[in-house]
PDB file of N, CA and C in Angstrom:
ATOM      1  N   UNK A   1      82.287-152.762-119.219  1.00  0.00           N
ATOM      2  CA  UNK A   1      83.033-151.366-119.577  1.00  0.00           C
ATOM      3  C   UNK A   1      81.901-149.699-119.705  1.00  0.00           C
ATOM      4  N   UNK A   2      82.666-149.009-118.463  1.00  0.00           N
ATOM      5  CA  UNK A   2      82.283-147.280-118.240  1.00  0.00           C
ATOM      6  C   UNK A   2      82.848-146.960-119.388  1.00  0.00           C
ATOM      7  N   UNK A   3      84.121-146.311-119.476  1.00  0.00           N
ATOM      8  CA  UNK A   3      84.574-145.883-120.289  1.00  0.00           C
ATOM      9  C   UNK A   3      84.565-144.755-121.448  1.00  0.00           C
ATOM     10  N   UNK A   4      83.184-144.267-121.422  1.00  0.00           N
ATOM     11  CA  UNK A   4      82.905-143.503-122.868  1.00  0.00           C
ATOM     12  C   UNK A   4      82.611-142.341-122.268  1.00  0.00           C
ATOM     13  N   UNK A   5      82.982-141.281-123.200  1.00  0.00           N
ATOM     14  CA  UNK A   5      81.950-140.000-122.826  1.00  0.00           C
ATOM     15  C   UNK A   5      81.609-139.475-124.340  1.00  0.00           C
ATOM     16  N   UNK A   6      80.624-138.544-123.732  1.00  0.00           N
ATOM     17  CA  UNK A   6      79.082-138.705-124.653  1.00  0.00           C
ATOM     18  C   UNK A   6      80.158-136.622-125.128  1.00  0.00           C
ATOM     19  N   UNK A   7      79.437-136.600-126.248  1.00  0.00           N
ATOM     20  CA  UNK A   7      79.890-135.357-127.345  1.00  0.00           C
ATOM     21  C   UNK A   7      79.205-133.834-126.568  1.00  0.00           C
ATOM     22  N   UNK A   8      78.514-134.357-124.516  1.00  0.00           N
ATOM     23  CA  UNK A   8      78.525-132.650-124.607  1.00  0.00           C
ATOM     24  C   UNK A   8      79.188-132.845-123.596  1.00  0.00           C
ATOM     25  N   UNK A   9      80.464-133.897-123.029  1.00  0.00           N
ATOM     26  CA  UNK A   9      81.012-134.066-121.987  1.00  0.00           C
ATOM     27  C   UNK A   9      82.283-133.018-122.120  1.00  0.00           C
ATOM     28  N   UNK A  10      82.583-132.612-120.830  1.00  0.00           N
ATOM     29  CA  UNK A  10      84.006-131.716-120.526  1.00  0.00           C
ATOM     30  C   UNK A  10      85.016-132.161-121.178  1.00  0.00           C
ATOM     31  N   UNK A  11      85.442-133.580-120.995  1.00  0.00           N
ATOM     32  CA  UNK A  11      86.849-134.601-121.525  1.00  0.00           C
ATOM     33  C   UNK A  11      86.180-134.413-123.522  1.00  0.00           C
ATOM     34  N   UNK A  12      85.249-134.605-123.932  1.00  0.00           N
ATOM     35  CA  UNK A  12      84.885-134.389-125.098  1.00  0.00           C
ATOM     36  C   UNK A  12      85.609-132.922-125.909  1.00  0.00           C
ATOM     37  N   UNK A  13      85.000-131.983-125.179  1.00  0.00           N
ATOM     38  CA  UNK A  13      85.129-130.397-125.868  1.00  0.00           C
ATOM     39  C   UNK A  13      87.007-130.599-125.083  1.00  0.00           C
ATOM     40  N   UNK A  14      86.806-130.895-124.382  1.00  0.00           N
ATOM     41  CA  UNK A  14      88.735-130.554-124.283  1.00  0.00           C
ATOM     42  C   UNK A  14      89.761-130.735-124.998  1.00  0.00           C
ATOM     43  N   UNK A  15      89.250-132.171-125.703  1.00  0.00           N
ATOM     44  CA  UNK A  15      89.904-133.264-126.858  1.00  0.00           C
ATOM     45  C   UNK A  15      90.109-132.331-128.169  1.00  0.00           C
ATOM     46  N   UNK A  16      89.212-131.686-128.619  1.00  0.00           N
ATOM     47  CA  UNK A  16      88.683-130.704-129.460  1.00  0.00           C
ATOM     48  C   UNK A  16      89.758-129.353-129.369  1.00  0.00           C
ATOM     49  N   UNK A  17      89.075-128.867-128.448  1.00  0.00           N
ATOM     50  CA  UNK A  17      90.443-127.867-128.279  1.00  0.00           C
ATOM     51  C   UNK A  17      91.653-128.270-128.609  1.00  0.00           C
ATOM     52  N   UNK A  18      92.041-129.294-127.415  1.00  0.00           N
ATOM     53  CA  UNK A  18      93.496-129.279-128.181  1.00  0.00           C
ATOM     54  C   UNK A  18      94.130-129.782-129.603  1.00  0.00           C
ATOM     55  N   UNK A  19      93.021-130.851-130.301  1.00  0.00           N
ATOM     56  CA  UNK A  19      93.444-130.794-131.303  1.00  0.00           C
ATOM     57  C   UNK A  19      93.735-129.213-132.115  1.00  0.00           C
ATOM     58  N   UNK A  20      92.840-128.933-131.968  1.00  0.00           N
ATOM     59  CA  UNK A  20      92.832-127.551-132.366  1.00  0.00           C
ATOM     60  C   UNK A  20      93.924-126.501-132.276  1.00  0.00           C
ATOM     61  N   UNK A  21      94.567-126.184-130.747  1.00  0.00           N
ATOM     62  CA  UNK A  21      95.975-126.015-130.222  1.00  0.00           C
ATOM     63  C   UNK A  21      97.063-126.819-130.777  1.00  0.00           C
ATOM     64  N   UNK A  22      96.754-127.372-130.828  1.00  0.00           N
ATOM     65  CA  UNK A  22      97.948-129.229-131.990  1.00  0.00           C
ATOM     66  C   UNK A  22      97.825-128.202-133.019  1.00  0.00           C
ATOM     67  N   UNK A  23      97.230-128.195-134.115  1.00  0.00           N
ATOM     68  CA  UNK A  23      97.297-127.644-135.060  1.00  0.00           C
ATOM     69  C   UNK A  23      97.589-125.807-135.487  1.00  0.00           C
ATOM     70  N   UNK A  24      96.946-124.978-134.694  1.00  0.00           N
ATOM     71  CA  UNK A  24      97.749-124.024-134.391  1.00  0.00           C
ATOM     72  C   UNK A  24      98.765-123.625-134.677  1.00  0.00           C
ATOM     73  N   UNK A  25      99.352-124.469-133.515  1.00  0.00           N
ATOM     74  CA  UNK A  25     101.196-124.169-133.307  1.00  0.00           C
ATOM     75  C   UNK A  25     101.963-125.433-133.776  1.00  0.00           C
ATOM     76  N   UNK A  26     101.762-126.277-134.057  1.00  0.00           N
ATOM     77  CA  UNK A  26     102.700-127.542-134.429  1.00  0.00           C
ATOM     78  C   UNK A  26     103.678-126.710-135.949  1.00  0.00           C
ATOM     79  N   UNK A  27     103.142-126.104-136.107  1.00  0.00           N
ATOM     80  CA  UNK A  27     105.004-125.760-136.827  1.00  0.00           C
ATOM     81  C   UNK A  27     105.738-125.194-136.191  1.00  0.00           C
ATOM     82  N   UNK A  28     106.835-125.685-135.710  1.00  0.00           N
ATOM     83  CA  UNK A  28     107.110-124.296-134.714  1.00  0.00           C
ATOM     84  C   UNK A  28     108.367-123.178-135.791  1.00  0.00           C
ATOM     85  N   UNK A  29     108.316-122.371-134.732  1.00  0.00           N
ATOM     86  CA  UNK A  29     108.703-120.835-135.183  1.00  0.00           C
ATOM     87  C   UNK A  29     109.727-120.426-134.284  1.00  0.00           C
ATOM     88  N   UNK A  30     110.779-119.271-134.106  1.00  0.00           N
ATOM     89  CA  UNK A  30     111.829-119.403-133.667  1.00  0.00           C
ATOM     90  C   UNK A  30     111.560-117.931-133.271  1.00  0.00           C
ATOM     91  N   UNK A  31     110.194-117.134-133.457  1.00  0.00           N
ATOM     92  CA  UNK A  31     109.643-115.683-132.709  1.00  0.00           C
ATOM     93  C   UNK A  31     109.703-115.731-131.181  1.00  0.00           C
ATOM     94  N   UNK A  32     109.607-114.686-131.407  1.00  0.00           N
ATOM     95  CA  UNK A  32     109.143-114.340-129.468  1.00  0.00           C
ATOM     96  C   UNK A  32     107.622-114.980-129.440  1.00  0.00           C
ATOM     97  N   UNK A  33     106.991-114.098-130.437  1.00  0.00           N
ATOM     98  CA  UNK A  33     105.597-114.210-130.662  1.00  0.00           C
ATOM     99  C   UNK A  33     104.828-115.435-130.564  1.00  0.00           C
ATOM    100  N   UNK A  34     105.066-115.611-131.164  1.00  0.00           N
ATOM    101  CA  UNK A  34     104.875-117.420-130.966  1.00  0.00           C
ATOM    102  C   UNK A  34     105.124-118.378-129.882  1.00  0.00           C
ATOM    103  N   UNK A  35     106.169-118.469-129.476  1.00  0.00           N
ATOM    104  CA  UNK A  35     106.251-118.622-128.334  1.00  0.00           C
ATOM    105  C   UNK A  35     105.064-117.949-127.010  1.00  0.00           C
ATOM    106  N   UNK A  36     105.198-116.980-126.850  1.00  0.00           N
ATOM    107  CA  UNK A  36     104.131-116.396-126.006  1.00  0.00           C
ATOM    108  C   UNK A  36     102.602-116.360-126.343  1.00  0.00           C
ATOM    109  N   UNK A  37     102.297-116.890-127.713  1.00  0.00           N
ATOM    110  CA  UNK A  37     101.077-117.410-128.012  1.00  0.00           C
ATOM    111  C   UNK A  37     100.809-118.566-127.564  1.00  0.00           C
ATOM    112  N   UNK A  38     101.666-119.384-127.452  1.00  0.00           N
ATOM    113  CA  UNK A  38     101.835-120.639-127.525  1.00  0.00           C
ATOM    114  C   UNK A  38     101.387-121.093-125.829  1.00  0.00           C
ATOM    115  N   UNK A  39     102.390-120.002-124.966  1.00  0.00           N
ATOM    116  CA  UNK A  39     102.337-120.091-123.886  1.00  0.00           C
ATOM    117  C   UNK A  39     100.978-120.139-122.882  1.00  0.00           C
ATOM    118  N   UNK A  40     100.666-118.938-123.833  1.00  0.00           N
ATOM    119  CA  UNK A  40      99.143-117.430-122.907  1.00  0.00           C
ATOM    120  C   UNK A  40      98.000-118.965-123.698  1.00  0.00           C
ATOM    121  N   UNK A  41      98.030-119.541-124.823  1.00  0.00           N
ATOM    122  CA  UNK A  41      96.960-119.999-125.661  1.00  0.00           C
ATOM    123  C   UNK A  41      97.122-121.314-124.955  1.00  0.00           C
ATOM    124  N   UNK A  42      97.991-122.162-123.841  1.00  0.00           N
ATOM    125  CA  UNK A  42      97.854-123.343-123.820  1.00  0.00           C
ATOM    126  C   UNK A  42      97.251-123.169-122.220  1.00  0.00           C
ATOM    127  N   UNK A  43      97.616-122.081-121.590  1.00  0.00           N
ATOM    128  CA  UNK A  43      97.431-121.398-120.107  1.00  0.00           C
ATOM    129  C   UNK A  43      95.845-121.811-120.571  1.00  0.00           C
ATOM    130  N   UNK A  44      95.567-120.768-120.934  1.00  0.00           N
ATOM    131  CA  UNK A  44      93.684-120.550-121.317  1.00  0.00           C
ATOM    132  C   UNK A  44      93.127-121.763-121.327  1.00  0.00           C
ATOM    133  N   UNK A  45      93.573-123.044-122.548  1.00  0.00           N
ATOM    134  CA  UNK A  45      93.600-124.018-122.303  1.00  0.00           C
ATOM    135  C   UNK A  45      93.061-124.710-121.352  1.00  0.00           C
ATOM    136  N   UNK A  46      94.421-124.655-119.756  1.00  0.00           N
ATOM    137  CA  UNK A  46      94.545-125.266-119.111  1.00  0.00           C
ATOM    138  C   UNK A  46      92.875-125.363-117.973  1.00  0.00           C
ATOM    139  N   UNK A  47      93.571-124.128-118.042  1.00  0.00           N
ATOM    140  CA  UNK A  47      92.508-123.347-117.398  1.00  0.00           C
ATOM    141  C   UNK A  47      91.019-123.536-117.819  1.00  0.00           C
ATOM    142  N   UNK A  48      90.547-123.448-118.552  1.00  0.00           N
ATOM    143  CA  UNK A  48      89.228-123.875-119.159  1.00  0.00           C
ATOM    144  C   UNK A  48      89.270-125.087-118.735  1.00  0.00           C
ATOM    145  N   UNK A  49      89.705-126.190-118.523  1.00  0.00           N
ATOM    146  CA  UNK A  49      89.790-127.771-118.128  1.00  0.00           C
ATOM    147  C   UNK A  49      89.884-127.843-117.405  1.00  0.00           C
ATOM    148  N   UNK A  50      90.849-127.439-116.519  1.00  0.00           N
ATOM    149  CA  UNK A  50      91.405-127.821-115.590  1.00  0.00           C
ATOM    150  C   UNK A  50      90.445-128.792-114.398  1.00  0.00           C
ATOM    151  N   UNK A  51      89.600-128.356-113.848  1.00  0.00           N
ATOM    152  CA  UNK A  51      88.710-128.460-112.765  1.00  0.00           C
ATOM    153  C   UNK A  51      87.511-129.564-113.197  1.00  0.00           C
ATOM    154  N   UNK A  52      87.033-129.853-114.520  1.00  0.00           N
ATOM    155  CA  UNK A  52      86.593-130.538-115.082  1.00  0.00           C
ATOM    156  C   UNK A  52      86.769-131.912-115.204  1.00  0.00           C
ATOM    157  N   UNK A  53      88.901-131.709-115.406  1.00  0.00           N
ATOM    158  CA  UNK A  53      88.836-132.841-115.872  1.00  0.00           C
ATOM    159  C   UNK A  53      89.864-133.123-114.987  1.00  0.00           C
ATOM    160  N   UNK A  54      90.207-133.167-113.614  1.00  0.00           N
ATOM    161  CA  UNK A  54      90.692-133.071-112.428  1.00  0.00           C
ATOM    162  C   UNK A  54      92.920-132.915-113.045  1.00  0.00           C
ATOM    163  N   UNK A  55      93.086-132.164-113.756  1.00  0.00           N
ATOM    164  CA  UNK A  55      94.196-131.724-114.344  1.00  0.00           C
ATOM    165  C   UNK A  55      94.574-132.212-115.267  1.00  0.00           C
ATOM    166  N   UNK A  56      93.975-133.379-115.878  1.00  0.00           N
ATOM    167  CA  UNK A  56      94.151-133.851-117.472  1.00  0.00           C
ATOM    168  C   UNK A  56      94.739-133.149-118.693  1.00  0.00           C
ATOM    169  N   UNK A  57      94.347-131.779-117.446  1.00  0.00           N
ATOM    170  CA  UNK A  57      94.326-130.624-119.556  1.00  0.00           C
ATOM    171  C   UNK A  57      94.923-130.343-119.344  1.00  0.00           C
ATOM    172  N   UNK A  58      95.847-129.803-117.889  1.00  0.00           N
ATOM    173  CA  UNK A  58      97.440-129.138-117.591  1.00  0.00           C
ATOM    174  C   UNK A  58      98.082-130.230-118.333  1.00  0.00           C
ATOM    175  N   UNK A  59      98.128-131.807-118.089  1.00  0.00           N
ATOM    176  CA  UNK A  59      98.785-132.782-118.414  1.00  0.00           C
ATOM    177  C   UNK A  59      99.081-133.058-119.891  1.00  0.00           C
ATOM    178  N   UNK A  60      97.959-132.476-121.076  1.00  0.00           N
ATOM    179  CA  UNK A  60      97.731-132.328-122.414  1.00  0.00           C
ATOM    180  C   UNK A  60      98.934-130.676-122.566  1.00  0.00           C
ATOM    181  N   UNK A  61      98.374-129.960-121.726  1.00  0.00           N
ATOM    182  CA  UNK A  61      98.879-128.808-121.850  1.00  0.00           C
ATOM    183  C   UNK A  61     100.554-128.927-121.900  1.00  0.00           C
ATOM    184  N   UNK A  62     100.880-129.156-121.156  1.00  0.00           N
ATOM    185  CA  UNK A  62     102.727-129.428-120.606  1.00  0.00           C
ATOM    186  C   UNK A  62     103.191-130.418-122.292  1.00  0.00           C
ATOM    187  N   UNK A  63     102.715-131.377-122.139  1.00  0.00           N
ATOM    188  CA  UNK A  63     102.998-132.346-123.157  1.00  0.00           C
ATOM    189  C   UNK A  63     103.103-131.418-124.774  1.00  0.00           C
ATOM    190  N   UNK A  64     102.481-131.184-124.609  1.00  0.00           N
ATOM    191  CA  UNK A  64     102.336-129.689-126.129  1.00  0.00           C
ATOM    192  C   UNK A  64     103.784-128.847-126.304  1.00  0.00           C
ATOM    193  N   UNK A  65     103.602-128.030-124.965  1.00  0.00           N
ATOM    194  CA  UNK A  65     104.526-128.029-124.926  1.00  0.00           C
ATOM    195  C   UNK A  65     106.594-128.070-124.806  1.00  0.00           C
ATOM    196  N   UNK A  66     106.328-128.895-124.042  1.00  0.00           N
ATOM    197  CA  UNK A  66     107.546-130.343-123.679  1.00  0.00           C
ATOM    198  C   UNK A  66     107.797-130.596-125.083  1.00  0.00           C
ATOM    199  N   UNK A  67     106.993-131.045-126.076  1.00  0.00           N
ATOM    200  CA  UNK A  67     106.784-131.262-127.605  1.00  0.00           C
ATOM    201  C   UNK A  67     107.743-130.454-128.452  1.00  0.00           C
ATOM    202  N   UNK A  68     106.770-129.266-128.461  1.00  0.00           N
ATOM    203  CA  UNK A  68     106.897-128.457-129.416  1.00  0.00           C
ATOM    204  C   UNK A  68     108.761-128.358-128.742  1.00  0.00           C
ATOM    205  N   UNK A  69     108.500-127.580-127.489  1.00  0.00           N
ATOM    206  CA  UNK A  69     109.588-127.120-127.313  1.00  0.00           C
ATOM    207  C   UNK A  69     110.737-127.790-127.495  1.00  0.00           C
ATOM    208  N   UNK A  70     110.929-129.154-128.060  1.00  0.00           N
ATOM    209  CA  UNK A  70     112.057-130.132-127.765  1.00  0.00           C
ATOM    210  C   UNK A  70     112.035-130.543-129.362  1.00  0.00           C
ATOM    211  N   UNK A  71     111.396-130.163-130.498  1.00  0.00           N
ATOM    212  CA  UNK A  71     111.381-129.672-131.816  1.00  0.00           C
ATOM    213  C   UNK A  71     112.191-128.604-132.039  1.00  0.00           C
ATOM    214  N   UNK A  72     111.929-127.717-130.910  1.00  0.00           N
ATOM    215  CA  UNK A  72     112.748-126.310-131.711  1.00  0.00           C
ATOM    216  C   UNK A  72     114.110-126.830-130.992  1.00  0.00           C
ATOM    217  N   UNK A  73     114.367-127.317-130.229  1.00  0.00           N
ATOM    218  CA  UNK A  73     115.800-127.775-129.648  1.00  0.00           C
ATOM    219  C   UNK A  73     116.562-128.660-130.582  1.00  0.00           C
ATOM    220  N   UNK A  74     115.861-129.662-130.970  1.00  0.00           N
ATOM    221  CA  UNK A  74     116.076-130.793-132.186  1.00  0.00           C
ATOM    222  C   UNK A  74     116.888-130.253-133.324  1.00  0.00           C
ATOM    223  N   UNK A  75     115.882-129.243-133.268  1.00  0.00           N
ATOM    224  CA  UNK A  75     116.136-128.801-134.948  1.00  0.00           C
ATOM    225  C   UNK A  75     117.092-127.624-135.027  1.00  0.00           C
ATOM    226  N   UNK A  76     117.389-126.830-133.957  1.00  0.00           N
ATOM    227  CA  UNK A  76     118.560-125.680-133.864  1.00  0.00           C
ATOM    228  C   UNK A  76     120.310-126.689-133.174  1.00  0.00           C
ATOM    229  N   UNK A  77     119.489-127.742-132.731  1.00  0.00           N
ATOM    230  CA  UNK A  77     120.787-128.514-132.569  1.00  0.00           C
ATOM    231  C   UNK A  77     121.624-129.059-133.497  1.00  0.00           C
ATOM    232  N   UNK A  78     120.259-129.810-134.606  1.00  0.00           N
ATOM    233  CA  UNK A  78     121.001-130.544-135.675  1.00  0.00           C
ATOM    234  C   UNK A  78     121.663-129.445-136.951  1.00  0.00           C
ATOM    235  N   UNK A  79     120.937-127.965-136.504  1.00  0.00           N
ATOM    236  CA  UNK A  79     121.515-126.478-137.501  1.00  0.00           C
ATOM    237  C   UNK A  79     122.351-126.345-137.249  1.00  0.00           C
ATOM    238  N   UNK A  80     122.826-126.456-135.995  1.00  0.00           N
ATOM    239  CA  UNK A  80     123.844-125.891-134.651  1.00  0.00           C
ATOM    240  C   UNK A  80     125.254-126.710-135.957  1.00  0.00           C
ATOM    241  N   UNK A  81     124.553-128.160-135.466  1.00  0.00           N
ATOM    242  CA  UNK A  81     126.041-129.564-135.705  1.00  0.00           C
ATOM    243  C   UNK A  81     125.966-128.663-137.261  1.00  0.00           C
ATOM    244  N   UNK A  82     125.282-129.090-137.998  1.00  0.00           N
ATOM    245  CA  UNK A  82     125.378-128.564-139.558  1.00  0.00           C
ATOM    246  C   UNK A  82     126.609-127.357-139.522  1.00  0.00           C
ATOM    247  N   UNK A  83     126.307-126.478-138.789  1.00  0.00           N
ATOM    248  CA  UNK A  83     127.256-125.062-139.078  1.00  0.00           C
ATOM    249  C   UNK A  83     128.661-125.660-138.459  1.00  0.00           C
ATOM    250  N   UNK A  84     128.711-126.057-137.194  1.00  0.00           N
ATOM    251  CA  UNK A  84     130.381-127.084-136.864  1.00  0.00           C
ATOM    252  C   UNK A  84     130.574-127.456-137.775  1.00  0.00           C
ATOM    253  N   UNK A  85     130.243-128.847-138.451  1.00  0.00           N
ATOM    254  CA  UNK A  85     130.670-129.534-139.524  1.00  0.00           C
ATOM    255  C   UNK A  85     131.437-128.659-140.365  1.00  0.00           C
ATOM    256  N   UNK A  86     130.399-127.371-140.482  1.00  0.00           N
ATOM    257  CA  UNK A  86     130.819-126.148-142.405  1.00  0.00           C
ATOM    258  C   UNK A  86     132.461-125.684-142.139  1.00  0.00           C
ATOM    259  N   UNK A  87     132.305-125.297-140.474  1.00  0.00           N
ATOM    260  CA  UNK A  87     133.065-123.902-139.587  1.00  0.00           C
ATOM    261  C   UNK A  87     134.372-125.494-139.956  1.00  0.00           C
ATOM    262  N   UNK A  88     134.612-126.460-139.168  1.00  0.00           N
ATOM    263  CA  UNK A  88     135.334-126.923-138.724  1.00  0.00           C
ATOM    264  C   UNK A  88     136.497-127.692-140.220  1.00  0.00           C
ATOM    265  N   UNK A  89     135.180-128.021-141.025  1.00  0.00           N
ATOM    266  CA  UNK A  89     135.743-128.030-142.640  1.00  0.00           C
ATOM    267  C   UNK A  89     136.731-127.162-143.354  1.00  0.00           C
ATOM    268  N   UNK A  90     136.059-125.844-142.708  1.00  0.00           N
ATOM    269  CA  UNK A  90     136.991-124.648-142.870  1.00  0.00           C
ATOM    270  C   UNK A  90     138.722-124.329-142.476  1.00  0.00           C
ATOM    271  N   UNK A  91     137.888-124.649-141.421  1.00  0.00           N
ATOM    272  CA  UNK A  91     139.604-124.341-140.627  1.00  0.00           C
ATOM    273  C   UNK A  91     140.343-125.438-141.151  1.00  0.00           C
ATOM    274  N   UNK A  92     140.134-127.447-141.035  1.00  0.00           N
ATOM    275  CA  UNK A  92     141.166-127.968-141.657  1.00  0.00           C
ATOM    276  C   UNK A  92     141.401-127.464-143.128  1.00  0.00           C
ATOM    277  N   UNK A  93     140.925-126.631-143.599  1.00  0.00           N
ATOM    278  CA  UNK A  93     141.253-127.102-144.935  1.00  0.00           C
ATOM    279  C   UNK A  93     142.901-125.652-144.714  1.00  0.00           C
ATOM    280  N   UNK A  94     142.019-124.477-143.739  1.00  0.00           N
ATOM    281  CA  UNK A  94     142.548-124.068-143.451  1.00  0.00           C
ATOM    282  C   UNK A  94     144.024-123.893-142.791  1.00  0.00           C
ATOM    283  N   UNK A  95     144.026-125.173-141.900  1.00  0.00           N
ATOM    284  CA  UNK A  95     145.384-125.387-141.297  1.00  0.00           C
ATOM    285  C   UNK A  95     145.953-126.396-141.818  1.00  0.00           C
ATOM    286  N   UNK A  96     145.482-126.957-143.543  1.00  0.00           N
ATOM    287  CA  UNK A  96     145.829-127.707-144.725  1.00  0.00           C
ATOM    288  C   UNK A  96     147.290-127.048-145.231  1.00  0.00           C
ATOM    289  N   UNK A  97     146.706-125.516-145.811  1.00  0.00           N
ATOM    290  CA  UNK A  97     146.706-124.805-146.175  1.00  0.00           C
ATOM    291  C   UNK A  97     148.303-124.207-145.895  1.00  0.00           C
ATOM    292  N   UNK A  98     148.512-123.789-144.113  1.00  0.00           N
ATOM    293  CA  UNK A  98     149.164-123.508-143.663  1.00  0.00           C
ATOM    294  C   UNK A  98     150.530-124.609-143.473  1.00  0.00           C
ATOM    295  N   UNK A  99     150.158-125.504-143.642  1.00  0.00           N
ATOM    296  CA  UNK A  99     151.144-126.196-143.222  1.00  0.00           C
ATOM    297  C   UNK A  99     151.742-126.661-144.691  1.00  0.00           C
ATOM    298  N   UNK A 100     151.174-126.506-145.989  1.00  0.00           N
ATOM    299  CA  UNK A 100     151.380-127.107-146.868  1.00  0.00           C
ATOM    300  C   UNK A 100     152.420-125.558-147.368  1.00  0.00           C
ATOM    301  N   UNK A 101     152.446-124.557-146.199  1.00  0.00           N
ATOM    302  CA  UNK A 101     153.241-123.306-146.710  1.00  0.00           C
ATOM    303  C   UNK A 101     152.632-122.346-147.935  1.00  0.00           C
ATOM    304  N   UNK A 102     150.925-122.496-147.848  1.00  0.00           N
ATOM    305  CA  UNK A 102     150.628-121.653-149.245  1.00  0.00           C
ATOM    306  C   UNK A 102     150.221-120.233-148.454  1.00  0.00           C
TER     307      UNK A 102
END
C-alpha cells in the first residue's frame, strides 16, 4: 500500500497550512474585515497548492469557507429566532391586554 506522503511533499505542507488557516479563522465573526480576510487567505492557500495537489487545495479551501458560512448563518438564524420569540411574547402580552380592555 503506497498511500503515505513525506514531510517534504506538497500534501504534507498543504495540510499544515490548512490547519493554520482553520486555527486563524475558526471563531466566526460578523465583520466585513473577517470575511474579506478569510476569502483572501483561502484564495492564497488554494493558489499555492492547486497545481501540486490536483485541485485538492481548492476543495479544502471551499470546505472551510462553507463551514464558516454555515456556522455564521446557523448562529444568526438562532439569534433571530430568539428575537422573534421575544417579539412574539411581547406582542401576545399586548394583544391580551387589549382584549382585557387594559
